Amino acid sequence: MGGRAVSLLLLLAFGACNSVSPFAGKWEGKRSLDFVPNTDPSIQYTATRVELTVSPDGRFTLVDRSLPLEGQIEPDGTLKIEQMNGRPAEVKAPAKLSRTGETLRLEFEGSIELRQLSPK
């Protein structure tokens, strides 16, 4: 019985350290960009598409203008970008998320509204 109690306490303690991010899930939006006339529509779609995937522990992958960025989301919604295109990176532009109901607002080189594609 004592072993089970210790296991339960460890499980509860571990669970308390792992908070579920309020941003968890898969999100998609569209960045507003200007293109030269006659730009191929498939290039426009790819360049404007923004996709954000957030795990319950707050790790994220952000694909913006076809460039993958990875890192950790702070509890206040600040994105700490650690990697760009799979390599260590220091991104100087501030990036922050806020949630309003069923949508996210990403402030990163402009403002982008994201809608959820899949739940946590």
Protein backbone atom coordinates (compact mmCIF):
# COMPACT_ATOMS: atom_id res chain seq x y z
CA MET A 1 0.00 0.00 0.00
CA GLY A 2 2.87 2.40 0.86
CA GLY A 3 4.38 1.94 -2.63
CA ARG A 4 1.11 2.92 -4.28
CA ALA A 5 0.82 6.04 -2.13
CA VAL A 6 4.34 7.12 -3.09
CA SER A 7 3.60 6.46 -6.78
CA LEU A 8 0.39 8.48 -6.55
CA LEU A 9 2.19 11.38 -4.86
CA LEU A 10 4.91 11.36 -7.51
CA LEU A 11 2.30 11.30 -10.27
CA LEU A 12 0.43 14.22 -8.71
CA ALA A 13 3.63 16.20 -8.19
CA PHE A 14 4.70 15.58 -11.78
CA GLY A 15 1.27 16.57 -13.07
CA ALA A 16 1.36 19.83 -11.12
CA CYS A 17 4.61 20.77 -12.87
CA ASN A 18 3.16 20.06 -16.31
CA SER A 19 0.55 22.65 -17.12
CA VAL A 20 -1.58 22.38 -20.22
CA SER A 21 -1.04 25.36 -22.48
CA PRO A 22 -4.23 27.35 -23.18
CA PHE A 23 -2.92 27.58 -26.75
CA ALA A 24 -2.56 23.80 -27.29
CA GLY A 25 -3.79 22.49 -30.62
CA LYS A 26 -3.28 23.11 -34.31
CA TRP A 27 -4.08 26.60 -35.62
CA GLU A 28 -4.12 28.23 -39.05
CA GLY A 29 -4.38 31.75 -40.38
CA LYS A 30 -3.41 33.97 -43.26
CA ARG A 31 -0.78 36.72 -43.32
CA SER A 32 -1.55 39.80 -45.37
CA LEU A 33 1.18 40.24 -47.98
CA ASP A 34 1.49 42.29 -51.17
CA PHE A 35 2.55 40.49 -54.35
CA VAL A 36 3.71 41.71 -57.72
CA PRO A 37 1.06 41.37 -60.43
CA ASN A 38 0.66 37.91 -61.96
CA THR A 39 2.26 36.07 -59.02
CA ASP A 40 1.29 32.39 -59.19
CA PRO A 41 -1.70 31.81 -56.83
CA SER A 42 -0.07 28.68 -55.34
CA ILE A 43 2.96 30.77 -54.35
CA GLN A 44 0.66 33.39 -52.83
CA TYR A 45 -1.20 30.73 -50.83
CA THR A 46 2.03 29.17 -49.52
CA ALA A 47 3.57 32.54 -48.64
CA THR A 48 0.53 33.86 -46.77
CA ARG A 49 -0.38 30.66 -44.88
CA VAL A 50 0.53 30.63 -41.18
CA GLU A 51 0.30 27.37 -39.22
CA LEU A 52 0.90 27.02 -35.49
CA THR A 53 1.04 23.71 -33.64
CA VAL A 54 1.24 23.88 -29.84
CA SER A 55 1.71 20.82 -27.63
CA PRO A 56 0.09 20.67 -24.17
CA ASP A 57 3.46 21.45 -22.53
CA GLY A 58 3.75 24.74 -24.47
CA ARG A 59 6.28 23.66 -27.13
CA PHE A 60 5.38 25.06 -30.54
CA THR A 61 6.14 24.89 -34.24
CA LEU A 62 5.19 27.97 -36.24
CA VAL A 63 5.34 27.86 -40.04
CA ASP A 64 5.25 31.43 -41.33
CA ARG A 65 6.05 32.34 -44.94
CA SER A 66 7.16 28.71 -45.40
CA LEU A 67 9.80 29.06 -42.66
CA PRO A 68 9.51 26.70 -39.65
CA LEU A 69 10.20 28.24 -36.24
CA GLU A 70 10.27 26.21 -33.01
CA GLY A 71 10.41 27.00 -29.33
CA GLN A 72 8.48 27.42 -26.09
CA ILE A 73 5.47 29.59 -25.24
CA GLU A 74 5.75 31.43 -21.93
CA PRO A 75 2.66 31.51 -19.66
CA ASP A 76 1.95 35.13 -20.75
CA GLY A 77 1.82 34.05 -24.43
CA THR A 78 5.31 35.22 -25.43
CA LEU A 79 6.90 32.94 -28.02
CA LYS A 80 10.54 32.15 -27.24
CA ILE A 81 11.85 31.14 -30.67
CA GLU A 82 14.78 28.75 -30.27
CA GLN A 83 15.17 27.31 -33.76
CA MET A 84 14.61 28.52 -37.30
CA ASN A 85 14.58 25.96 -40.08
CA GLY A 86 16.02 23.37 -37.67
CA ARG A 87 19.00 25.49 -36.58
CA PRO A 88 19.56 27.53 -33.42
CA ALA A 89 18.23 31.04 -33.91
CA GLU A 90 17.81 34.37 -32.20
CA VAL A 91 14.78 36.12 -33.61
CA LYS A 92 14.72 39.79 -32.65
CA ALA A 93 11.09 40.45 -33.66
CA PRO A 94 8.74 40.07 -30.66
CA ALA A 95 6.12 37.34 -30.96
CA LYS A 96 3.12 36.96 -28.67
CA LEU A 97 -0.16 35.04 -28.59
CA SER A 98 -3.44 35.99 -27.02
CA ARG A 99 -6.64 33.97 -26.94
CA THR A 100 -10.13 35.33 -27.42
CA GLY A 101 -12.76 32.63 -27.30
CA GLU A 102 -12.12 30.20 -30.11
CA THR A 103 -9.44 32.22 -31.91
CA LEU A 104 -5.83 33.19 -31.29
CA ARG A 105 -4.19 36.46 -32.23
CA LEU A 106 -0.54 36.18 -33.18
CA GLU A 107 1.40 39.43 -32.98
CA PHE A 108 4.53 38.76 -35.02
CA GLU A 109 5.58 41.19 -37.72
CA GLY A 110 1.93 42.18 -37.95
CA SER A 111 -1.27 40.81 -36.49
CA ILE A 112 -2.70 37.47 -37.63
CA GLU A 113 -5.92 35.82 -36.50
CA LEU A 114 -5.66 32.03 -36.18
CA ARG A 115 -8.50 29.53 -36.08
CA GLN A 116 -8.19 26.11 -34.51
CA LEU A 117 -7.96 23.12 -36.84
CA SER A 118 -7.77 20.44 -34.16
CA PRO A 119 -8.31 20.36 -30.41
CA LYS A 120 -5.63 19.86 -27.76
